[in-house]
Structures are given as C-alpha cells and as structure tokens.
Amino acid sequence: MQKKLKIFLANLEEFIAGFFLVLLIVLTSSNVILRLVSGKSLPWAEEISYASYAWVVFVGASAAFKRKGHSSIDLLVQLFPKKMEKGVAVFTTVVEMAAIAAIAYLSVNLSIAAVAKLTPILHIPYTYVDLSVVFGFLMMLLHCIKQIYNIFKYEDYNSRPLYASLINIDPVQDMTDEITALQGKEGE
C-alpha cells in the first residue's frame, strides 16, 4: 500500500495531466463525430476541453521539468572546473526558482482575479482553469527545492531521477529500456 502511494505521489503530475489529456481527447473526438453525424455539437464540451488543455499544458510542463525533459544548456556548467560544477548548478537552480516563483505569484493573482469571470455556457469561474498554472508552477518550485537538495546530497545529482530517494523507480526510463531491448531483439 505504501509503495503504491509513493508511486502515485512521485507521478502525481503525470496522473493529473494524463486524466485531463484523456478527457480532452474524448470530448473533442466526441464533438467532432457528433458534428459529422448530426451537424450539431455539444457547446459545453468545448469549454471543458479548453480547461483540460490548460491542465495538460501546465501540469505536463511540471512533469517534464521533474524528469529534466525541458531543454537546457549545460555546456556552460561543463566549462567550469569540477569543483565549481555544484555551485554553478545551485546558482542556475536558484535563478530558475526565482523565475518560477515570480510566475507562480502572478498566476495566483490571475486566479484570484478570475473568480468573477465565468465561462459562457457552464458558468464555471475561470479560476479553475487558471489554477492549472498555479499548480504547475508550484510543483516546479518544489522540484527545484528537491533538485538543490539532491545537488548537495548526491554526487550523481544530474543523472539520477529527481525523486529516486522517494521511490527507486523511473517509469519513463523503464519504458525506454523495454523499448530499446525490444528494438535490439528485432535487429538480431
């Protein structure tokens, strides 16, 4: 039970983004098919799809950030002597944290301001859409804090999964290893 909870927490963004991606695909596909068959569509489905898209984008961005999936330029870090690499890594992470914290702060203000703004059909406050930005950037902020912890704790901080200490599993890497092994067997 505790291992399943750890896996869930270590992959929280993936579960949330995955849920909203499935919802987005189902609603959009259903609306397209309904429009083709009957010439009519479900107007509320477009609103839900719009909100789902926001959650997929911002929570998915956090998931990619956690797995170091965003592009980065580590050439600069490699130019420094080995002794300075950790210091440069901490500095760049702190700069990232400052930018992420600023965006998180602004997104909180955006969410608060959006309380009175309602979607046209379902009359849902836009706050629920804007909370995707807040959640995504707050999670990125937590990942930065964890990264700084890992920099000081582990020598191989840059190559290890961010939450390897929480759960010794990286599902994306496991899937990549399986695909690589299958491709190797096909080539034989």
C-alpha atoms as a PDB file:
ATOM      1  CA  MET A   1       0.000   0.000   0.000  1.00  0.00           C
ATOM      2  CA  GLN A   2       2.754   2.445   0.939  1.00  0.00           C
ATOM      3  CA  LYS A   3       4.698   1.679  -2.271  1.00  0.00           C
ATOM      4  CA  LYS A   4       1.599   2.445  -4.375  1.00  0.00           C
ATOM      5  CA  LEU A   5       1.176   5.753  -2.551  1.00  0.00           C
ATOM      6  CA  LYS A   6       4.832   6.613  -3.207  1.00  0.00           C
ATOM      7  CA  ILE A   7       4.442   5.749  -6.893  1.00  0.00           C
ATOM      8  CA  PHE A   8       1.290   7.886  -7.039  1.00  0.00           C
ATOM      9  CA  LEU A   9       2.990  10.864  -5.362  1.00  0.00           C
ATOM     10  CA  ALA A  10       6.138  10.528  -7.463  1.00  0.00           C
ATOM     11  CA  ASN A  11       3.981  10.586 -10.597  1.00  0.00           C
ATOM     12  CA  LEU A  12       1.215  12.960  -9.452  1.00  0.00           C
ATOM     13  CA  GLU A  13       1.598  15.355 -12.361  1.00  0.00           C
ATOM     14  CA  GLU A  14       1.590  12.522 -14.874  1.00  0.00           C
ATOM     15  CA  PHE A  15      -1.669  11.189 -13.456  1.00  0.00           C
ATOM     16  CA  ILE A  16      -3.333  14.608 -13.445  1.00  0.00           C
ATOM     17  CA  ALA A  17      -2.098  15.575 -16.922  1.00  0.00           C
ATOM     18  CA  GLY A  18      -2.997  12.108 -18.221  1.00  0.00           C
ATOM     19  CA  PHE A  19      -6.533  12.361 -16.852  1.00  0.00           C
ATOM     20  CA  PHE A  20      -7.084  15.744 -18.480  1.00  0.00           C
ATOM     21  CA  LEU A  21      -5.492  14.567 -21.737  1.00  0.00           C
ATOM     22  CA  VAL A  22      -7.878  11.615 -21.936  1.00  0.00           C
ATOM     23  CA  LEU A  23     -10.794  13.928 -21.105  1.00  0.00           C
ATOM     24  CA  LEU A  24      -9.657  16.375 -23.792  1.00  0.00           C
ATOM     25  CA  ILE A  25      -9.339  13.653 -26.432  1.00  0.00           C
ATOM     26  CA  VAL A  26     -12.675  12.021 -25.583  1.00  0.00           C
ATOM     27  CA  LEU A  27     -14.624  15.295 -25.546  1.00  0.00           C
ATOM     28  CA  THR A  28     -13.018  16.698 -28.685  1.00  0.00           C
ATOM     29  CA  SER A  29     -13.390  13.433 -30.615  1.00  0.00           C
ATOM     30  CA  SER A  30     -16.984  13.027 -29.477  1.00  0.00           C
ATOM     31  CA  ASN A  31     -17.793  16.559 -30.525  1.00  0.00           C
ATOM     32  CA  VAL A  32     -16.227  16.072 -33.969  1.00  0.00           C
ATOM     33  CA  ILE A  33     -18.081  12.789 -34.538  1.00  0.00           C
ATOM     34  CA  LEU A  34     -21.343  14.284 -33.285  1.00  0.00           C
ATOM     35  CA  ARG A  35     -20.891  17.277 -35.609  1.00  0.00           C
ATOM     36  CA  LEU A  36     -20.236  14.963 -38.577  1.00  0.00           C
ATOM     37  CA  VAL A  37     -23.183  12.690 -37.835  1.00  0.00           C
ATOM     38  CA  SER A  38     -25.846  15.161 -36.727  1.00  0.00           C
ATOM     39  CA  GLY A  39     -24.482  18.543 -37.723  1.00  0.00           C
ATOM     40  CA  LYS A  40     -24.705  19.682 -34.087  1.00  0.00           C
ATOM     41  CA  SER A  41     -22.140  19.775 -31.321  1.00  0.00           C
ATOM     42  CA  LEU A  42     -22.049  19.973 -27.550  1.00  0.00           C
ATOM     43  CA  PRO A  43     -21.076  23.559 -26.722  1.00  0.00           C
ATOM     44  CA  TRP A  44     -20.196  22.705 -23.119  1.00  0.00           C
ATOM     45  CA  ALA A  45     -17.679  20.119 -24.322  1.00  0.00           C
ATOM     46  CA  GLU A  46     -15.614  22.889 -25.884  1.00  0.00           C
ATOM     47  CA  GLU A  47     -15.382  24.685 -22.526  1.00  0.00           C
ATOM     48  CA  ILE A  48     -14.308  21.522 -20.721  1.00  0.00           C
ATOM     49  CA  SER A  49     -11.792  20.803 -23.495  1.00  0.00           C
ATOM     50  CA  TYR A  50     -10.354  24.305 -23.148  1.00  0.00           C
ATOM     51  CA  ALA A  51      -9.920  23.863 -19.397  1.00  0.00           C
ATOM     52  CA  SER A  52      -8.488  20.365 -19.877  1.00  0.00           C
ATOM     53  CA  TYR A  53      -5.971  21.714 -22.341  1.00  0.00           C
ATOM     54  CA  ALA A  54      -4.711  24.247 -19.784  1.00  0.00           C
ATOM     55  CA  TRP A  55      -4.278  21.480 -17.188  1.00  0.00           C
ATOM     56  CA  VAL A  56      -2.464  19.236 -19.679  1.00  0.00           C
ATOM     57  CA  VAL A  57      -0.086  22.033 -20.693  1.00  0.00           C
ATOM     58  CA  PHE A  58       0.883  23.415 -17.284  1.00  0.00           C
ATOM     59  CA  VAL A  59       0.824  20.218 -15.244  1.00  0.00           C
ATOM     60  CA  GLY A  60       2.512  18.380 -18.104  1.00  0.00           C
ATOM     61  CA  ALA A  61       5.201  21.073 -18.164  1.00  0.00           C
ATOM     62  CA  SER A  62       5.828  20.381 -14.490  1.00  0.00           C
ATOM     63  CA  ALA A  63       6.074  16.649 -15.170  1.00  0.00           C
ATOM     64  CA  ALA A  64       8.596  17.311 -17.939  1.00  0.00           C
ATOM     65  CA  PHE A  65      10.516  19.675 -15.642  1.00  0.00           C
ATOM     66  CA  LYS A  66      10.665  16.991 -12.961  1.00  0.00           C
ATOM     67  CA  ARG A  67      12.114  14.497 -15.422  1.00  0.00           C
ATOM     68  CA  LYS A  68      14.520  17.094 -16.858  1.00  0.00           C
ATOM     69  CA  GLY A  69      12.619  16.969 -20.119  1.00  0.00           C
ATOM     70  CA  HIS A  70      12.941  20.669 -20.920  1.00  0.00           C
ATOM     71  CA  SER A  71      15.887  21.727 -22.982  1.00  0.00           C
ATOM     72  CA  SER A  72      18.788  23.131 -21.062  1.00  0.00           C
ATOM     73  CA  ILE A  73      22.249  24.356 -21.862  1.00  0.00           C
ATOM     74  CA  ASP A  74      24.641  22.557 -19.564  1.00  0.00           C
ATOM     75  CA  LEU A  75      27.642  23.364 -21.763  1.00  0.00           C
ATOM     76  CA  LEU A  76      28.289  26.401 -19.574  1.00  0.00           C
ATOM     77  CA  VAL A  77      28.330  24.234 -16.455  1.00  0.00           C
ATOM     78  CA  GLN A  78      30.791  21.841 -18.101  1.00  0.00           C
ATOM     79  CA  LEU A  79      33.188  24.708 -18.848  1.00  0.00           C
ATOM     80  CA  PHE A  80      33.764  25.239 -15.129  1.00  0.00           C
ATOM     81  CA  PRO A  81      36.222  23.114 -13.140  1.00  0.00           C
ATOM     82  CA  LYS A  82      34.712  20.046 -11.448  1.00  0.00           C
ATOM     83  CA  LYS A  83      34.919  21.743  -8.040  1.00  0.00           C
ATOM     84  CA  MET A  84      32.683  24.590  -9.238  1.00  0.00           C
ATOM     85  CA  GLU A  85      30.043  22.491 -11.007  1.00  0.00           C
ATOM     86  CA  LYS A  86      27.866  22.075  -7.911  1.00  0.00           C
ATOM     87  CA  GLY A  87      27.999  25.795  -7.175  1.00  0.00           C
ATOM     88  CA  VAL A  88      27.011  26.644 -10.737  1.00  0.00           C
ATOM     89  CA  ALA A  89      24.225  24.037 -10.601  1.00  0.00           C
ATOM     90  CA  VAL A  90      22.875  25.565  -7.379  1.00  0.00           C
ATOM     91  CA  PHE A  91      23.108  29.063  -8.865  1.00  0.00           C
ATOM     92  CA  THR A  92      21.226  28.099 -12.031  1.00  0.00           C
ATOM     93  CA  THR A  93      18.589  26.289  -9.986  1.00  0.00           C
ATOM     94  CA  VAL A  94      18.130  29.346  -7.748  1.00  0.00           C
ATOM     95  CA  VAL A  95      17.698  31.529 -10.853  1.00  0.00           C
ATOM     96  CA  GLU A  96      15.106  29.039 -12.134  1.00  0.00           C
ATOM     97  CA  MET A  97      13.386  29.146  -8.748  1.00  0.00           C
ATOM     98  CA  ALA A  98      13.211  32.942  -8.843  1.00  0.00           C
ATOM     99  CA  ALA A  99      11.597  32.926 -12.287  1.00  0.00           C
ATOM    100  CA  ILE A 100       9.218  30.107 -11.361  1.00  0.00           C
ATOM    101  CA  ALA A 101       8.264  31.767  -8.060  1.00  0.00           C
ATOM    102  CA  ALA A 102       7.525  35.028  -9.892  1.00  0.00           C
ATOM    103  CA  ILE A 103       5.285  33.237 -12.398  1.00  0.00           C
ATOM    104  CA  ALA A 104       3.594  31.283  -9.590  1.00  0.00           C
ATOM    105  CA  TYR A 105       2.931  34.537  -7.710  1.00  0.00           C
ATOM    106  CA  LEU A 106       1.483  36.184 -10.817  1.00  0.00           C
ATOM    107  CA  SER A 107      -0.628  33.118 -11.571  1.00  0.00           C
ATOM    108  CA  VAL A 108      -2.103  33.204  -8.057  1.00  0.00           C
ATOM    109  CA  ASN A 109      -3.114  36.816  -8.678  1.00  0.00           C
ATOM    110  CA  LEU A 110      -4.563  35.828 -12.053  1.00  0.00           C
ATOM    111  CA  SER A 111      -6.583  33.030 -10.433  1.00  0.00           C
ATOM    112  CA  ILE A 112      -7.932  35.323  -7.742  1.00  0.00           C
ATOM    113  CA  ALA A 113      -8.899  37.956 -10.320  1.00  0.00           C
ATOM    114  CA  ALA A 114     -10.667  35.312 -12.427  1.00  0.00           C
ATOM    115  CA  VAL A 115     -13.209  34.406  -9.729  1.00  0.00           C
ATOM    116  CA  ALA A 116     -15.821  36.752 -11.160  1.00  0.00           C
ATOM    117  CA  LYS A 117     -15.151  35.778 -14.774  1.00  0.00           C
ATOM    118  CA  LEU A 118     -17.381  32.850 -15.731  1.00  0.00           C
ATOM    119  CA  THR A 119     -17.333  30.551 -18.718  1.00  0.00           C
ATOM    120  CA  PRO A 120     -20.190  31.426 -21.101  1.00  0.00           C
ATOM    121  CA  ILE A 121     -22.064  28.112 -21.086  1.00  0.00           C
ATOM    122  CA  LEU A 122     -21.350  26.239 -17.850  1.00  0.00           C
ATOM    123  CA  HIS A 123     -20.794  29.399 -15.771  1.00  0.00           C
ATOM    124  CA  ILE A 124     -17.714  27.930 -14.126  1.00  0.00           C
ATOM    125  CA  PRO A 125     -15.267  30.505 -12.730  1.00  0.00           C
ATOM    126  CA  TYR A 126     -12.105  30.779 -14.823  1.00  0.00           C
ATOM    127  CA  THR A 127     -10.246  30.343 -11.552  1.00  0.00           C
ATOM    128  CA  TYR A 128     -10.491  26.584 -12.066  1.00  0.00           C
ATOM    129  CA  VAL A 129      -8.749  26.920 -15.417  1.00  0.00           C
ATOM    130  CA  ASP A 130      -6.127  29.342 -14.075  1.00  0.00           C
ATOM    131  CA  LEU A 131      -5.361  27.085 -11.110  1.00  0.00           C
ATOM    132  CA  SER A 132      -3.601  24.805 -13.584  1.00  0.00           C
ATOM    133  CA  VAL A 133      -0.893  27.469 -13.915  1.00  0.00           C
ATOM    134  CA  VAL A 134      -0.645  27.842 -10.139  1.00  0.00           C
ATOM    135  CA  PHE A 135      -0.428  24.089  -9.575  1.00  0.00           C
ATOM    136  CA  GLY A 136       2.073  23.528 -12.390  1.00  0.00           C
ATOM    137  CA  PHE A 137       4.456  26.265 -11.277  1.00  0.00           C
ATOM    138  CA  LEU A 138       4.199  25.452  -7.572  1.00  0.00           C
ATOM    139  CA  MET A 139       5.102  21.852  -8.389  1.00  0.00           C
ATOM    140  CA  MET A 140       8.066  23.104 -10.433  1.00  0.00           C
ATOM    141  CA  LEU A 141       9.125  25.159  -7.429  1.00  0.00           C
ATOM    142  CA  LEU A 142       9.026  22.018  -5.265  1.00  0.00           C
ATOM    143  CA  HIS A 143      11.089  20.191  -7.879  1.00  0.00           C
ATOM    144  CA  CYS A 144      13.704  22.980  -7.755  1.00  0.00           C
ATOM    145  CA  ILE A 145      13.923  22.643  -3.973  1.00  0.00           C
ATOM    146  CA  LYS A 146      14.354  18.885  -4.360  1.00  0.00           C
ATOM    147  CA  GLN A 147      17.000  19.469  -7.027  1.00  0.00           C
ATOM    148  CA  ILE A 148      19.016  21.705  -4.690  1.00  0.00           C
ATOM    149  CA  TYR A 149      18.742  19.024  -2.005  1.00  0.00           C
ATOM    150  CA  ASN A 150      19.976  16.408  -4.489  1.00  0.00           C
ATOM    151  CA  ILE A 151      22.884  18.610  -5.569  1.00  0.00           C
ATOM    152  CA  PHE A 152      24.203  18.713  -2.017  1.00  0.00           C
ATOM    153  CA  LYS A 153      23.342  15.109  -1.147  1.00  0.00           C
ATOM    154  CA  TYR A 154      24.441  13.131  -4.222  1.00  0.00           C
ATOM    155  CA  GLU A 155      27.474  13.229  -6.483  1.00  0.00           C
ATOM    156  CA  ASP A 156      25.434  11.952  -9.439  1.00  0.00           C
ATOM    157  CA  TYR A 157      22.646  14.512  -8.876  1.00  0.00           C
ATOM    158  CA  ASN A 158      22.382  15.362 -12.555  1.00  0.00           C
ATOM    159  CA  SER A 159      21.936  11.818 -13.850  1.00  0.00           C
ATOM    160  CA  ARG A 160      19.652  10.414 -11.160  1.00  0.00           C
ATOM    161  CA  PRO A 161      15.857  10.744 -11.236  1.00  0.00           C
ATOM    162  CA  LEU A 162      14.761  13.683  -9.103  1.00  0.00           C
ATOM    163  CA  TYR A 163      12.734  11.555  -6.693  1.00  0.00           C
ATOM    164  CA  ALA A 164      14.923   8.440  -6.660  1.00  0.00           C
ATOM    165  CA  SER A 165      15.127   8.729  -2.861  1.00  0.00           C
ATOM    166  CA  LEU A 166      11.318   8.663  -2.595  1.00  0.00           C
ATOM    167  CA  ILE A 167      10.825   5.750  -4.927  1.00  0.00           C
ATOM    168  CA  ASN A 168      13.529   3.856  -6.724  1.00  0.00           C
ATOM    169  CA  ILE A 169      11.648   3.745  -9.987  1.00  0.00           C
ATOM    170  CA  ASP A 170      11.599   5.904 -13.071  1.00  0.00           C
ATOM    171  CA  PRO A 171       8.686   4.633 -15.176  1.00  0.00           C
ATOM    172  CA  VAL A 172       9.721   6.621 -18.239  1.00  0.00           C
ATOM    173  CA  GLN A 173      13.232   5.168 -18.119  1.00  0.00           C
ATOM    174  CA  ASP A 174      11.825   1.684 -17.500  1.00  0.00           C
ATOM    175  CA  MET A 175       9.652   2.034 -20.608  1.00  0.00           C
ATOM    176  CA  THR A 176      12.612   3.367 -22.606  1.00  0.00           C
ATOM    177  CA  ASP A 177      14.728   0.392 -21.522  1.00  0.00           C
ATOM    178  CA  GLU A 178      11.977  -2.026 -22.571  1.00  0.00           C
ATOM    179  CA  ILE A 179      11.601  -0.376 -25.992  1.00  0.00           C
ATOM    180  CA  THR A 180      15.377  -0.394 -26.500  1.00  0.00           C
ATOM    181  CA  ALA A 181      15.532  -4.085 -25.554  1.00  0.00           C
ATOM    182  CA  LEU A 182      12.688  -4.912 -27.962  1.00  0.00           C
ATOM    183  CA  GLN A 183      14.360  -2.985 -30.788  1.00  0.00           C
ATOM    184  CA  GLY A 184      17.593  -4.842 -30.078  1.00  0.00           C
ATOM    185  CA  LYS A 185      15.800  -8.198 -30.392  1.00  0.00           C
ATOM    186  CA  GLU A 186      14.188  -7.125 -33.686  1.00  0.00           C
ATOM    187  CA  GLY A 187      17.596  -6.247 -35.132  1.00  0.00           C
ATOM    188  CA  GLU A 188      19.036  -9.684 -34.380  1.00  0.00           C
END
